[in-house]
Amino acid sequence: MARTYGFILTLRGVDTSSPAFVDAVFEAGGDDASVGGGFRREEVAFDRDAESFDEAVRSAIACLRTAAPTTEVIGIEVDDPADLAQLLPA
């Protein structure tokens, strides 16, 4: 059963303040993304519906790489730390 996973991806190799990037993210399927950043930090927050946290993160990264192929994900922050447990081997 799908649920909504909230997380923020920290990026390198892209200017998140660029209107062209924001438009490209939306066109690549990122209608659940909030694009922004701060002092020397480029971020995109997602509230992504998926069957698992792993699927949510992977699909968000694929969206970003479609929007800007040079994008590198260098960090992740999660709304619910328990979601990270899904990534650990059983």
C-alpha atoms as a PDB file:
ATOM      1  CA  MET A   1       0.000   0.000   0.000  1.00  0.00           C
ATOM      2  CA  ALA A   2       1.435   3.355  -1.030  1.00  0.00           C
ATOM      3  CA  ARG A   3       2.007   6.152   1.429  1.00  0.00           C
ATOM      4  CA  THR A   4       3.586   9.587   1.293  1.00  0.00           C
ATOM      5  CA  TYR A   5       7.260   9.900   2.213  1.00  0.00           C
ATOM      6  CA  GLY A   6       8.737  13.310   2.993  1.00  0.00           C
ATOM      7  CA  PHE A   7      12.434  13.998   2.483  1.00  0.00           C
ATOM      8  CA  ILE A   8      14.893  16.622   1.288  1.00  0.00           C
ATOM      9  CA  LEU A   9      17.669  15.887  -1.197  1.00  0.00           C
ATOM     10  CA  THR A  10      20.781  18.079  -1.066  1.00  0.00           C
ATOM     11  CA  LEU A  11      22.288  18.569  -4.506  1.00  0.00           C
ATOM     12  CA  ARG A  12      25.464  19.574  -6.264  1.00  0.00           C
ATOM     13  CA  GLY A  13      25.923  20.489  -9.911  1.00  0.00           C
ATOM     14  CA  VAL A  14      22.705  22.445 -10.345  1.00  0.00           C
ATOM     15  CA  ASP A  15      21.364  25.910  -9.553  1.00  0.00           C
ATOM     16  CA  THR A  16      18.022  25.369  -7.830  1.00  0.00           C
ATOM     17  CA  SER A  17      17.220  29.082  -8.100  1.00  0.00           C
ATOM     18  CA  SER A  18      17.115  28.813 -11.890  1.00  0.00           C
ATOM     19  CA  PRO A  19      13.549  29.048 -13.253  1.00  0.00           C
ATOM     20  CA  ALA A  20      14.606  26.649 -16.023  1.00  0.00           C
ATOM     21  CA  PHE A  21      15.559  24.016 -13.403  1.00  0.00           C
ATOM     22  CA  VAL A  22      12.296  24.483 -11.511  1.00  0.00           C
ATOM     23  CA  ASP A  23      10.317  24.072 -14.739  1.00  0.00           C
ATOM     24  CA  ALA A  24      12.365  21.024 -15.758  1.00  0.00           C
ATOM     25  CA  VAL A  25      11.738  19.330 -12.382  1.00  0.00           C
ATOM     26  CA  PHE A  26       7.997  19.867 -12.741  1.00  0.00           C
ATOM     27  CA  GLU A  27       8.017  18.600 -16.333  1.00  0.00           C
ATOM     28  CA  ALA A  28      10.017  15.518 -15.265  1.00  0.00           C
ATOM     29  CA  GLY A  29       7.288  14.510 -12.808  1.00  0.00           C
ATOM     30  CA  GLY A  30       8.306  16.556  -9.793  1.00  0.00           C
ATOM     31  CA  ASP A  31       4.929  18.117  -9.120  1.00  0.00           C
ATOM     32  CA  ASP A  32       5.402  16.962  -5.507  1.00  0.00           C
ATOM     33  CA  ALA A  33       8.714  18.857  -5.178  1.00  0.00           C
ATOM     34  CA  SER A  34       9.557  22.148  -3.506  1.00  0.00           C
ATOM     35  CA  VAL A  35      12.720  23.539  -5.034  1.00  0.00           C
ATOM     36  CA  GLY A  36      14.910  25.875  -3.025  1.00  0.00           C
ATOM     37  CA  GLY A  37      18.133  26.361  -1.274  1.00  0.00           C
ATOM     38  CA  GLY A  38      19.973  28.458   1.160  1.00  0.00           C
ATOM     39  CA  PHE A  39      23.416  29.791   1.710  1.00  0.00           C
ATOM     40  CA  ARG A  40      25.646  27.606  -0.464  1.00  0.00           C
ATOM     41  CA  ARG A  41      23.103  24.788  -0.314  1.00  0.00           C
ATOM     42  CA  GLU A  42      20.918  23.485  -3.144  1.00  0.00           C
ATOM     43  CA  GLU A  43      17.912  21.427  -2.034  1.00  0.00           C
ATOM     44  CA  VAL A  44      14.713  19.893  -3.296  1.00  0.00           C
ATOM     45  CA  ALA A  45      12.052  18.682  -0.854  1.00  0.00           C
ATOM     46  CA  PHE A  46       9.696  15.907  -1.898  1.00  0.00           C
ATOM     47  CA  ASP A  47       6.421  14.532  -0.558  1.00  0.00           C
ATOM     48  CA  ARG A  48       6.401  11.449  -2.747  1.00  0.00           C
ATOM     49  CA  ASP A  49       3.779   8.685  -2.859  1.00  0.00           C
ATOM     50  CA  ALA A  50       5.354   5.236  -3.179  1.00  0.00           C
ATOM     51  CA  GLU A  51       5.173   1.663  -1.945  1.00  0.00           C
ATOM     52  CA  SER A  52       8.449   2.081   0.009  1.00  0.00           C
ATOM     53  CA  PHE A  53      10.884   4.763   1.111  1.00  0.00           C
ATOM     54  CA  ASP A  54      13.525   3.320  -1.217  1.00  0.00           C
ATOM     55  CA  GLU A  55      11.156   3.575  -4.189  1.00  0.00           C
ATOM     56  CA  ALA A  56      10.243   7.156  -3.246  1.00  0.00           C
ATOM     57  CA  VAL A  57      13.883   8.262  -3.072  1.00  0.00           C
ATOM     58  CA  ARG A  58      14.921   6.439  -6.243  1.00  0.00           C
ATOM     59  CA  SER A  59      12.056   7.916  -8.244  1.00  0.00           C
ATOM     60  CA  ALA A  60      12.811  11.413  -6.926  1.00  0.00           C
ATOM     61  CA  ILE A  61      16.474  11.074  -7.926  1.00  0.00           C
ATOM     62  CA  ALA A  62      15.441   9.831 -11.371  1.00  0.00           C
ATOM     63  CA  CYS A  63      13.188  12.876 -11.705  1.00  0.00           C
ATOM     64  CA  LEU A  64      16.044  15.220 -10.822  1.00  0.00           C
ATOM     65  CA  ARG A  65      18.447  13.524 -13.220  1.00  0.00           C
ATOM     66  CA  THR A  66      15.881  13.807 -16.005  1.00  0.00           C
ATOM     67  CA  ALA A  67      15.519  17.509 -15.221  1.00  0.00           C
ATOM     68  CA  ALA A  68      19.277  18.123 -14.984  1.00  0.00           C
ATOM     69  CA  PRO A  69      21.564  15.201 -15.904  1.00  0.00           C
ATOM     70  CA  THR A  70      24.592  16.724 -14.118  1.00  0.00           C
ATOM     71  CA  THR A  71      22.778  16.730 -10.774  1.00  0.00           C
ATOM     72  CA  GLU A  72      24.533  14.887  -7.936  1.00  0.00           C
ATOM     73  CA  VAL A  73      22.690  13.968  -4.746  1.00  0.00           C
ATOM     74  CA  ILE A  74      25.067  14.535  -1.839  1.00  0.00           C
ATOM     75  CA  GLY A  75      22.704  14.264   1.113  1.00  0.00           C
ATOM     76  CA  ILE A  76      19.258  13.354   2.355  1.00  0.00           C
ATOM     77  CA  GLU A  77      17.159  14.516   5.286  1.00  0.00           C
ATOM     78  CA  VAL A  78      14.023  12.616   6.241  1.00  0.00           C
ATOM     79  CA  ASP A  79      10.794  13.748   7.871  1.00  0.00           C
ATOM     80  CA  ASP A  80      10.455  10.431   9.716  1.00  0.00           C
ATOM     81  CA  PRO A  81      13.748   8.778  10.757  1.00  0.00           C
ATOM     82  CA  ALA A  82      11.947   5.422  10.936  1.00  0.00           C
ATOM     83  CA  ASP A  83      11.785   5.491   7.120  1.00  0.00           C
ATOM     84  CA  LEU A  84      15.547   4.980   7.017  1.00  0.00           C
ATOM     85  CA  ALA A  85      15.094   1.593   8.693  1.00  0.00           C
ATOM     86  CA  GLN A  86      13.538   0.342   5.452  1.00  0.00           C
ATOM     87  CA  LEU A  87      16.924   0.681   3.798  1.00  0.00           C
ATOM     88  CA  LEU A  88      18.680  -1.568   6.303  1.00  0.00           C
ATOM     89  CA  PRO A  89      18.988  -5.307   5.615  1.00  0.00           C
ATOM     90  CA  ALA A  90      16.593  -7.456   7.595  1.00  0.00           C
END
